[in-house]
């Protein structure tokens, strides 16, 4: 009985392991990778923290700006001050030079839906 249980556990572990798909690998400059790790990532982290503080500080003004249609001032302000530097710092692969970093479509997950209510 123990052999059967261990056999089924082994089968479930083997067949439930994810398989990595081949991804194209781009060659990156080793000098830029070093510069990215030592300078750009810590600087991006600092900009993300400062942007979050500014976002919190101006949120009352953003609330007033969200009153008229299209009601998306919080989304735009959050994208500019928090999400763009955060994606550049934490999501962007090391050595990638693109700013603002836009993750591939299979990695994107919508956080907020667009407001499709027409104005009155």
C-alpha atoms as a PDB file:
ATOM      1  CA  UNK A   1       0.000   0.000   0.000  1.00  0.00           C
ATOM      2  CA  UNK A   2       2.823   2.410   0.840  1.00  0.00           C
ATOM      3  CA  UNK A   3       4.438   1.695  -2.516  1.00  0.00           C
ATOM      4  CA  UNK A   4       1.253   2.631  -4.366  1.00  0.00           C
ATOM      5  CA  UNK A   5       0.844   5.858  -2.428  1.00  0.00           C
ATOM      6  CA  UNK A   6       4.477   6.851  -2.981  1.00  0.00           C
ATOM      7  CA  UNK A   7       4.149   5.922  -6.675  1.00  0.00           C
ATOM      8  CA  UNK A   8       1.081   8.169  -7.096  1.00  0.00           C
ATOM      9  CA  UNK A   9       2.777  10.990  -5.200  1.00  0.00           C
ATOM     10  CA  UNK A  10       5.796  10.650  -7.469  1.00  0.00           C
ATOM     11  CA  UNK A  11       3.574  10.699 -10.571  1.00  0.00           C
ATOM     12  CA  UNK A  12       1.698  13.766  -9.371  1.00  0.00           C
ATOM     13  CA  UNK A  13       4.943  15.614  -8.671  1.00  0.00           C
ATOM     14  CA  UNK A  14       6.454  14.693 -12.043  1.00  0.00           C
ATOM     15  CA  UNK A  15       3.391  15.590 -14.102  1.00  0.00           C
ATOM     16  CA  UNK A  16       2.509  18.777 -12.225  1.00  0.00           C
ATOM     17  CA  UNK A  17       5.917  20.430 -12.720  1.00  0.00           C
ATOM     18  CA  UNK A  18       5.725  23.428 -15.045  1.00  0.00           C
ATOM     19  CA  UNK A  19       7.709  23.276 -18.254  1.00  0.00           C
ATOM     20  CA  UNK A  20       9.567  26.395 -19.315  1.00  0.00           C
ATOM     21  CA  UNK A  21       8.990  27.558 -22.867  1.00  0.00           C
ATOM     22  CA  UNK A  22      11.885  28.743 -24.953  1.00  0.00           C
ATOM     23  CA  UNK A  23      12.210  32.521 -24.884  1.00  0.00           C
ATOM     24  CA  UNK A  24      14.384  34.491 -27.251  1.00  0.00           C
ATOM     25  CA  UNK A  25      17.451  35.780 -25.455  1.00  0.00           C
ATOM     26  CA  UNK A  26      18.890  39.087 -26.527  1.00  0.00           C
ATOM     27  CA  UNK A  27      22.527  39.844 -25.996  1.00  0.00           C
ATOM     28  CA  UNK A  28      23.069  42.758 -23.643  1.00  0.00           C
ATOM     29  CA  UNK A  29      26.118  44.885 -23.036  1.00  0.00           C
ATOM     30  CA  UNK A  30      27.943  43.702 -19.863  1.00  0.00           C
ATOM     31  CA  UNK A  31      28.896  47.283 -19.036  1.00  0.00           C
ATOM     32  CA  UNK A  32      25.268  48.359 -19.126  1.00  0.00           C
ATOM     33  CA  UNK A  33      24.251  45.380 -16.969  1.00  0.00           C
ATOM     34  CA  UNK A  34      26.748  46.466 -14.314  1.00  0.00           C
ATOM     35  CA  UNK A  35      25.582  50.072 -14.564  1.00  0.00           C
ATOM     36  CA  UNK A  36      21.974  48.895 -14.401  1.00  0.00           C
ATOM     37  CA  UNK A  37      22.500  46.873 -11.224  1.00  0.00           C
ATOM     38  CA  UNK A  38      24.704  49.387  -9.416  1.00  0.00           C
ATOM     39  CA  UNK A  39      23.105  52.689 -10.436  1.00  0.00           C
ATOM     40  CA  UNK A  40      19.775  52.459 -12.269  1.00  0.00           C
ATOM     41  CA  UNK A  41      18.009  49.962  -9.975  1.00  0.00           C
ATOM     42  CA  UNK A  42      18.768  51.822  -6.706  1.00  0.00           C
ATOM     43  CA  UNK A  43      17.926  55.123  -8.393  1.00  0.00           C
ATOM     44  CA  UNK A  44      14.674  53.619  -9.708  1.00  0.00           C
ATOM     45  CA  UNK A  45      13.823  52.400  -6.215  1.00  0.00           C
ATOM     46  CA  UNK A  46      14.401  55.888  -4.803  1.00  0.00           C
ATOM     47  CA  UNK A  47      12.247  57.440  -7.545  1.00  0.00           C
ATOM     48  CA  UNK A  48       9.494  54.893  -6.827  1.00  0.00           C
ATOM     49  CA  UNK A  49       9.513  55.729  -3.107  1.00  0.00           C
ATOM     50  CA  UNK A  50       9.540  59.490  -3.767  1.00  0.00           C
ATOM     51  CA  UNK A  51       6.797  59.134  -6.398  1.00  0.00           C
ATOM     52  CA  UNK A  52       4.656  57.168  -3.957  1.00  0.00           C
ATOM     53  CA  UNK A  53       5.069  59.926  -1.365  1.00  0.00           C
ATOM     54  CA  UNK A  54       4.184  62.605  -3.900  1.00  0.00           C
ATOM     55  CA  UNK A  55       1.182  60.546  -5.046  1.00  0.00           C
ATOM     56  CA  UNK A  56      -0.071  60.300  -1.469  1.00  0.00           C
ATOM     57  CA  UNK A  57       0.592  63.997  -0.893  1.00  0.00           C
ATOM     58  CA  UNK A  58      -1.316  65.214  -3.939  1.00  0.00           C
ATOM     59  CA  UNK A  59      -4.150  62.695  -3.673  1.00  0.00           C
ATOM     60  CA  UNK A  60      -6.610  65.351  -2.373  1.00  0.00           C
ATOM     61  CA  UNK A  61      -5.909  67.470  -5.455  1.00  0.00           C
ATOM     62  CA  UNK A  62      -6.188  64.390  -7.638  1.00  0.00           C
ATOM     63  CA  UNK A  63      -9.575  63.690  -6.071  1.00  0.00           C
ATOM     64  CA  UNK A  64     -10.771  67.129  -7.173  1.00  0.00           C
ATOM     65  CA  UNK A  65      -9.373  66.502 -10.642  1.00  0.00           C
ATOM     66  CA  UNK A  66     -11.307  63.216 -10.822  1.00  0.00           C
ATOM     67  CA  UNK A  67     -14.690  64.910 -10.386  1.00  0.00           C
ATOM     68  CA  UNK A  68     -15.275  65.855 -14.056  1.00  0.00           C
ATOM     69  CA  UNK A  69     -15.494  63.239 -16.784  1.00  0.00           C
ATOM     70  CA  UNK A  70     -13.457  60.948 -17.613  1.00  0.00           C
ATOM     71  CA  UNK A  71     -12.757  60.341 -13.870  1.00  0.00           C
ATOM     72  CA  UNK A  72      -9.296  58.880 -14.487  1.00  0.00           C
ATOM     73  CA  UNK A  73      -6.979  61.308 -12.719  1.00  0.00           C
ATOM     74  CA  UNK A  74      -5.994  58.761 -10.048  1.00  0.00           C
ATOM     75  CA  UNK A  75      -5.169  56.168 -12.704  1.00  0.00           C
ATOM     76  CA  UNK A  76      -3.044  58.551 -14.770  1.00  0.00           C
ATOM     77  CA  UNK A  77      -1.259  59.990 -11.744  1.00  0.00           C
ATOM     78  CA  UNK A  78      -0.586  56.538 -10.312  1.00  0.00           C
ATOM     79  CA  UNK A  79       0.754  55.306 -13.633  1.00  0.00           C
ATOM     80  CA  UNK A  80       3.150  58.238 -13.951  1.00  0.00           C
ATOM     81  CA  UNK A  81       4.366  58.542 -10.357  1.00  0.00           C
ATOM     82  CA  UNK A  82       4.295  54.960  -9.051  1.00  0.00           C
ATOM     83  CA  UNK A  83       3.758  52.257 -11.662  1.00  0.00           C
ATOM     84  CA  UNK A  84       6.193  53.411 -14.376  1.00  0.00           C
ATOM     85  CA  UNK A  85       9.227  53.725 -12.053  1.00  0.00           C
ATOM     86  CA  UNK A  86       8.167  50.576 -10.194  1.00  0.00           C
ATOM     87  CA  UNK A  87       7.977  48.545 -13.406  1.00  0.00           C
ATOM     88  CA  UNK A  88      11.323  49.969 -14.522  1.00  0.00           C
ATOM     89  CA  UNK A  89      12.902  48.968 -11.210  1.00  0.00           C
ATOM     90  CA  UNK A  90      11.278  45.659 -10.316  1.00  0.00           C
ATOM     91  CA  UNK A  91       9.787  44.067 -13.455  1.00  0.00           C
ATOM     92  CA  UNK A  92      12.208  45.049 -16.226  1.00  0.00           C
ATOM     93  CA  UNK A  93      14.820  42.376 -17.023  1.00  0.00           C
ATOM     94  CA  UNK A  94      18.415  43.246 -16.140  1.00  0.00           C
ATOM     95  CA  UNK A  95      20.114  44.876 -19.108  1.00  0.00           C
ATOM     96  CA  UNK A  96      16.915  45.993 -20.862  1.00  0.00           C
ATOM     97  CA  UNK A  97      17.183  49.668 -21.828  1.00  0.00           C
ATOM     98  CA  UNK A  98      13.538  50.459 -22.543  1.00  0.00           C
ATOM     99  CA  UNK A  99      11.791  53.188 -20.561  1.00  0.00           C
ATOM    100  CA  UNK A 100       8.962  53.248 -19.749  1.00  0.00           C
ATOM    101  CA  UNK A 101       9.058  49.476 -19.499  1.00  0.00           C
ATOM    102  CA  UNK A 102       5.913  47.831 -20.810  1.00  0.00           C
ATOM    103  CA  UNK A 103       5.652  44.156 -19.832  1.00  0.00           C
ATOM    104  CA  UNK A 104       4.708  41.692 -22.572  1.00  0.00           C
ATOM    105  CA  UNK A 105       1.002  41.044 -22.995  1.00  0.00           C
ATOM    106  CA  UNK A 106       1.160  37.599 -21.379  1.00  0.00           C
ATOM    107  CA  UNK A 107       2.563  39.154 -18.176  1.00  0.00           C
ATOM    108  CA  UNK A 108       0.136  42.078 -17.995  1.00  0.00           C
ATOM    109  CA  UNK A 109      -2.772  41.939 -15.601  1.00  0.00           C
ATOM    110  CA  UNK A 110      -5.354  44.706 -15.463  1.00  0.00           C
ATOM    111  CA  UNK A 111      -5.725  46.233 -12.049  1.00  0.00           C
ATOM    112  CA  UNK A 112      -8.350  48.859 -12.795  1.00  0.00           C
ATOM    113  CA  UNK A 113     -10.940  48.737 -15.538  1.00  0.00           C
ATOM    114  CA  UNK A 114     -11.679  51.744 -17.702  1.00  0.00           C
ATOM    115  CA  UNK A 115     -14.743  53.765 -16.845  1.00  0.00           C
ATOM    116  CA  UNK A 116     -17.003  53.403 -19.878  1.00  0.00           C
ATOM    117  CA  UNK A 117     -19.875  55.481 -18.551  1.00  0.00           C
ATOM    118  CA  UNK A 118     -20.718  58.243 -21.074  1.00  0.00           C
ATOM    119  CA  UNK A 119     -21.046  61.818 -19.793  1.00  0.00           C
ATOM    120  CA  UNK A 120     -24.521  63.155 -19.064  1.00  0.00           C
END
